[in-house]
Every structure is written in structure tokens, then in C-alpha cells.
C-alpha atoms as a PDB file:
ATOM      1  CA  UNK A   1      -3.302   6.107  59.295  1.00  0.00           C
ATOM      2  CA  UNK A   2      -0.278   7.395  61.180  1.00  0.00           C
ATOM      3  CA  UNK A   3       2.767   5.229  61.829  1.00  0.00           C
ATOM      4  CA  UNK A   4       6.204   5.750  63.335  1.00  0.00           C
ATOM      5  CA  UNK A   5       9.109   3.937  61.711  1.00  0.00           C
ATOM      6  CA  UNK A   6      12.059   3.051  63.949  1.00  0.00           C
ATOM      7  CA  UNK A   7      15.438   1.765  62.793  1.00  0.00           C
ATOM      8  CA  UNK A   8      17.867   0.013  65.140  1.00  0.00           C
ATOM      9  CA  UNK A   9      20.385   2.851  65.026  1.00  0.00           C
ATOM     10  CA  UNK A  10      20.812   5.907  67.257  1.00  0.00           C
ATOM     11  CA  UNK A  11      21.878   7.888  64.174  1.00  0.00           C
ATOM     12  CA  UNK A  12      18.499   7.596  62.435  1.00  0.00           C
ATOM     13  CA  UNK A  13      15.618   9.536  63.973  1.00  0.00           C
ATOM     14  CA  UNK A  14      12.095   8.148  64.261  1.00  0.00           C
ATOM     15  CA  UNK A  15      10.086   8.904  61.133  1.00  0.00           C
ATOM     16  CA  UNK A  16       6.368   9.592  61.278  1.00  0.00           C
ATOM     17  CA  UNK A  17       4.277   8.957  58.182  1.00  0.00           C
ATOM     18  CA  UNK A  18       0.658   9.603  57.291  1.00  0.00           C
ATOM     19  CA  UNK A  19      -0.791   7.218  54.730  1.00  0.00           C
ATOM     20  CA  UNK A  20      -3.946   5.610  53.476  1.00  0.00           C
ATOM     21  CA  UNK A  21      -4.366   1.848  53.185  1.00  0.00           C
ATOM     22  CA  UNK A  22      -6.419  -0.094  50.647  1.00  0.00           C
ATOM     23  CA  UNK A  23      -7.178  -3.797  51.131  1.00  0.00           C
ATOM     24  CA  UNK A  24      -8.703  -6.155  48.611  1.00  0.00           C
ATOM     25  CA  UNK A  25      -9.279  -9.868  48.420  1.00  0.00           C
ATOM     26  CA  UNK A  26      -8.364 -11.069  44.913  1.00  0.00           C
ATOM     27  CA  UNK A  27      -8.950 -14.781  45.378  1.00  0.00           C
ATOM     28  CA  UNK A  28     -10.286 -16.912  48.187  1.00  0.00           C
ATOM     29  CA  UNK A  29      -6.748 -17.359  49.528  1.00  0.00           C
ATOM     30  CA  UNK A  30      -5.048 -14.072  48.459  1.00  0.00           C
ATOM     31  CA  UNK A  31      -5.293 -10.592  49.980  1.00  0.00           C
ATOM     32  CA  UNK A  32      -3.484  -7.462  48.749  1.00  0.00           C
ATOM     33  CA  UNK A  33      -2.795  -4.460  51.001  1.00  0.00           C
ATOM     34  CA  UNK A  34      -1.487  -1.228  49.435  1.00  0.00           C
ATOM     35  CA  UNK A  35      -0.283   1.887  51.287  1.00  0.00           C
ATOM     36  CA  UNK A  36      -0.112   5.350  49.680  1.00  0.00           C
ATOM     37  CA  UNK A  37       1.802   8.190  51.337  1.00  0.00           C
ATOM     38  CA  UNK A  38       0.061  11.398  52.454  1.00  0.00           C
ATOM     39  CA  UNK A  39       3.172  13.267  53.622  1.00  0.00           C
ATOM     40  CA  UNK A  40       2.614  15.768  50.825  1.00  0.00           C
ATOM     41  CA  UNK A  41      -0.411  16.891  52.862  1.00  0.00           C
ATOM     42  CA  UNK A  42       1.065  16.389  56.371  1.00  0.00           C
ATOM     43  CA  UNK A  43       4.680  17.508  56.038  1.00  0.00           C
ATOM     44  CA  UNK A  44       7.089  17.209  58.945  1.00  0.00           C
ATOM     45  CA  UNK A  45       9.261  20.352  59.243  1.00  0.00           C
ATOM     46  CA  UNK A  46      12.582  18.626  59.971  1.00  0.00           C
ATOM     47  CA  UNK A  47      12.489  15.086  58.602  1.00  0.00           C
ATOM     48  CA  UNK A  48      12.428  14.702  54.844  1.00  0.00           C
ATOM     49  CA  UNK A  49      11.424  11.142  54.079  1.00  0.00           C
ATOM     50  CA  UNK A  50       8.648   9.835  51.898  1.00  0.00           C
ATOM     51  CA  UNK A  51       7.021   6.437  51.658  1.00  0.00           C
ATOM     52  CA  UNK A  52       6.511   5.443  48.089  1.00  0.00           C
ATOM     53  CA  UNK A  53       3.663   3.075  47.257  1.00  0.00           C
ATOM     54  CA  UNK A  54       4.210  -0.020  49.365  1.00  0.00           C
ATOM     55  CA  UNK A  55       2.322  -3.274  49.421  1.00  0.00           C
ATOM     56  CA  UNK A  56       1.751  -6.574  51.125  1.00  0.00           C
ATOM     57  CA  UNK A  57       0.495  -9.883  49.727  1.00  0.00           C
ATOM     58  CA  UNK A  58      -1.060 -12.352  52.164  1.00  0.00           C
ATOM     59  CA  UNK A  59      -1.615 -15.833  50.802  1.00  0.00           C
ATOM     60  CA  UNK A  60      -3.319 -18.607  52.750  1.00  0.00           C
ATOM     61  CA  UNK A  61      -1.395 -21.879  52.877  1.00  0.00           C
ATOM     62  CA  UNK A  62      -2.421 -25.334  54.090  1.00  0.00           C
ATOM     63  CA  UNK A  63      -2.576 -26.180  57.803  1.00  0.00           C
ATOM     64  CA  UNK A  64      -3.471 -22.622  58.867  1.00  0.00           C
ATOM     65  CA  UNK A  65      -0.224 -20.995  57.711  1.00  0.00           C
ATOM     66  CA  UNK A  66       0.104 -17.796  55.702  1.00  0.00           C
ATOM     67  CA  UNK A  67       2.763 -16.545  53.327  1.00  0.00           C
ATOM     68  CA  UNK A  68       3.353 -12.796  53.669  1.00  0.00           C
ATOM     69  CA  UNK A  69       5.356 -10.834  51.086  1.00  0.00           C
ATOM     70  CA  UNK A  70       5.985  -7.226  52.099  1.00  0.00           C
ATOM     71  CA  UNK A  71       7.529  -4.610  49.803  1.00  0.00           C
ATOM     72  CA  UNK A  72       8.415  -1.286  51.423  1.00  0.00           C
ATOM     73  CA  UNK A  73       9.580   1.638  49.274  1.00  0.00           C
ATOM     74  CA  UNK A  74      10.957   4.836  50.769  1.00  0.00           C
ATOM     75  CA  UNK A  75      12.833   7.937  49.717  1.00  0.00           C
ATOM     76  CA  UNK A  76      14.998   9.612  52.363  1.00  0.00           C
ATOM     77  CA  UNK A  77      16.955  12.852  52.278  1.00  0.00           C
ATOM     78  CA  UNK A  78      20.092  11.688  54.080  1.00  0.00           C
ATOM     79  CA  UNK A  79      22.077  14.941  54.010  1.00  0.00           C
ATOM     80  CA  UNK A  80      21.646  15.385  57.785  1.00  0.00           C
ATOM     81  CA  UNK A  81      22.714  11.830  58.713  1.00  0.00           C
ATOM     82  CA  UNK A  82      26.043  10.040  59.032  1.00  0.00           C
END
């Protein structure tokens, strides 16, 4: 997959990441989604940021609701930023 990450600041450029996604249902009401970065293969020449393994848990709740827990890990070389 390819995704662009935007931050609400004019000082931070848009970051493009290539990653693979793995989804698995652990229980009837629990899904796990894990992303693994591929920027080692598809390197951007000017932006040095890396997504570390990130994940999402989606748990079904009563009355059609869902509880989503998202953990995003990133490493950014911020020498070029304010």
C-alpha cells in the first residue's frame, strides 16, 4: 500500500510511505491490523522518515458500535525542520 501522511503544520512536509498490511480475526468480535514499513525498499530521496510496526485493534461492542485502538510508531529525521 502507499499512503501520504499530512500533519496540520506548514513546517512539516507530506510524507509518503510504502507498507504492507496484515489483517487477522482473533475472536468473533476482535480484529487485528498490522502495518510493516517498506521504505527500506522504496526510499524517498529527500524525506527521511520511517514507519515502525504499527497496529490497530477493532473490537465489536453491543448495539453496532466498535472500539478502535490505533498505535502509530514513526521515526523521523528532524534535522531539516524547525
